[in-house]
């Protein structure tokens, strides 16, 4: 099972291969530059303490990553997985109420992780 860690409205700045440090040229490129709700979860069983994200962009469009290490920053947040580096910029400071509303929409969309993480 996964535990909610944080969420923010942000933009996926880059999705880079860990090994050659080059941007991906696959389905991830459709998300680079996109803004959306980034929801961070912490794995409790499969990889305790590791973090993964779900990014919701519009209706029915979403992506997620495998577990990795989250490096929060002032203007940019980074998630390092075994194979990838994802960098986000925070676009808006959300109030608790705005976060609650966006999370309710995420739940209703079915984009909440299963308990396989």
Protein backbone atom coordinates (compact mmCIF):
# COMPACT_ATOMS: atom_id res chain seq x y z
CA UNK A 1 0.00 0.00 0.00
CA UNK A 2 1.16 3.54 -0.66
CA UNK A 3 0.84 6.56 1.58
CA UNK A 4 0.06 10.06 0.31
CA UNK A 5 3.11 12.30 0.76
CA UNK A 6 2.44 15.61 -1.00
CA UNK A 7 0.91 17.20 -4.05
CA UNK A 8 1.51 20.34 -6.04
CA UNK A 9 0.56 21.89 -9.34
CA UNK A 10 3.61 21.85 -11.54
CA UNK A 11 5.26 21.32 -14.88
CA UNK A 12 7.36 18.34 -15.94
CA UNK A 13 10.55 20.12 -16.99
CA UNK A 14 12.50 17.04 -18.08
CA UNK A 15 12.51 13.25 -18.23
CA UNK A 16 16.08 12.02 -18.65
CA UNK A 17 17.70 8.59 -18.90
CA UNK A 18 19.98 8.04 -15.87
CA UNK A 19 22.67 6.28 -17.87
CA UNK A 20 23.32 8.52 -20.87
CA UNK A 21 21.82 11.70 -19.34
CA UNK A 22 19.83 12.28 -22.54
CA UNK A 23 16.16 13.24 -22.68
CA UNK A 24 13.84 10.37 -23.49
CA UNK A 25 12.43 10.22 -27.00
CA UNK A 26 9.43 8.05 -26.19
CA UNK A 27 5.93 8.48 -24.73
CA UNK A 28 7.36 10.67 -21.94
CA UNK A 29 8.05 13.50 -24.39
CA UNK A 30 4.27 14.05 -24.58
CA UNK A 31 4.37 15.11 -20.91
CA UNK A 32 7.51 17.26 -20.88
CA UNK A 33 6.42 20.89 -20.73
CA UNK A 34 2.92 19.95 -19.58
CA UNK A 35 1.38 21.35 -16.41
CA UNK A 36 -0.74 19.27 -14.08
CA UNK A 37 -1.31 17.95 -10.61
CA UNK A 38 1.68 16.00 -9.35
CA UNK A 39 0.76 13.65 -6.51
CA UNK A 40 3.62 12.08 -4.55
CA UNK A 41 3.21 8.78 -2.73
CA UNK A 42 5.54 6.92 -0.40
CA UNK A 43 5.83 3.16 -0.75
CA UNK A 44 5.20 1.33 2.50
CA UNK A 45 5.81 -2.29 1.45
CA UNK A 46 7.49 -2.86 -1.91
CA UNK A 47 10.21 -0.25 -1.33
CA UNK A 48 9.68 1.39 2.06
CA UNK A 49 10.60 5.06 2.11
CA UNK A 50 10.87 5.38 -1.67
CA UNK A 51 8.62 7.82 -3.51
CA UNK A 52 6.71 7.66 -6.80
CA UNK A 53 4.42 10.12 -8.52
CA UNK A 54 1.26 10.29 -10.56
CA UNK A 55 0.92 13.31 -12.83
CA UNK A 56 -2.58 14.22 -13.98
CA UNK A 57 -2.77 16.41 -17.08
CA UNK A 58 -6.28 17.22 -18.17
CA UNK A 59 -9.04 14.67 -18.35
CA UNK A 60 -7.88 11.11 -18.92
CA UNK A 61 -4.20 11.95 -19.50
CA UNK A 62 -1.75 10.85 -16.83
CA UNK A 63 1.66 9.32 -16.24
CA UNK A 64 3.49 7.80 -13.30
CA UNK A 65 6.92 6.48 -12.42
CA UNK A 66 8.40 3.60 -10.49
CA UNK A 67 9.73 4.14 -6.98
CA UNK A 68 12.76 6.32 -6.42
CA UNK A 69 14.24 9.09 -4.32
CA UNK A 70 12.57 12.48 -4.09
CA UNK A 71 14.77 15.56 -3.88
CA UNK A 72 12.57 18.54 -3.06
CA UNK A 73 13.97 21.89 -4.04
CA UNK A 74 13.04 25.53 -3.87
CA UNK A 75 11.90 25.95 -7.45
CA UNK A 76 12.44 22.42 -8.75
CA UNK A 77 11.73 18.95 -7.41
CA UNK A 78 13.52 15.86 -8.72
CA UNK A 79 12.61 12.19 -8.56
CA UNK A 80 15.46 9.77 -9.27
CA UNK A 81 14.37 6.24 -10.15
CA UNK A 82 16.58 3.32 -11.11
CA UNK A 83 16.50 4.35 -14.79
CA UNK A 84 15.18 7.91 -14.93
CA UNK A 85 15.47 11.44 -13.62
CA UNK A 86 12.24 13.47 -13.56
CA UNK A 87 12.43 17.19 -12.83
CA UNK A 88 9.39 19.33 -12.00
CA UNK A 89 8.92 23.03 -11.45
CA UNK A 90 6.20 24.17 -9.09
CA UNK A 91 3.80 26.44 -10.95
CA UNK A 92 1.45 27.69 -8.25
CA UNK A 93 1.35 27.76 -4.50
CA UNK A 94 -1.82 25.86 -3.67
CA UNK A 95 -3.81 26.47 -0.53
CA UNK A 96 -4.90 23.46 1.53
CA UNK A 97 -8.41 23.88 0.10
CA UNK A 98 -7.14 23.93 -3.49
CA UNK A 99 -5.07 20.79 -2.82
CA UNK A 100 -8.12 19.08 -1.30
CA UNK A 101 -10.27 19.88 -4.34
CA UNK A 102 -7.63 18.70 -6.81
CA UNK A 103 -7.04 15.51 -4.82
CA UNK A 104 -10.77 14.78 -4.77
CA UNK A 105 -10.77 15.09 -8.56
CA UNK A 106 -7.78 12.74 -8.75
CA UNK A 107 -9.58 10.17 -6.62
CA UNK A 108 -12.71 10.39 -8.73
CA UNK A 109 -10.67 9.95 -11.92
CA UNK A 110 -9.36 6.61 -10.65
CA UNK A 111 -5.74 7.73 -10.87
CA UNK A 112 -4.83 6.73 -7.35
CA UNK A 113 -2.14 4.04 -7.13
CA UNK A 114 -2.95 0.46 -6.44
CA UNK A 115 -1.31 -1.32 -3.51
CA UNK A 116 1.41 -2.87 -5.69
CA UNK A 117 4.00 -0.18 -4.91
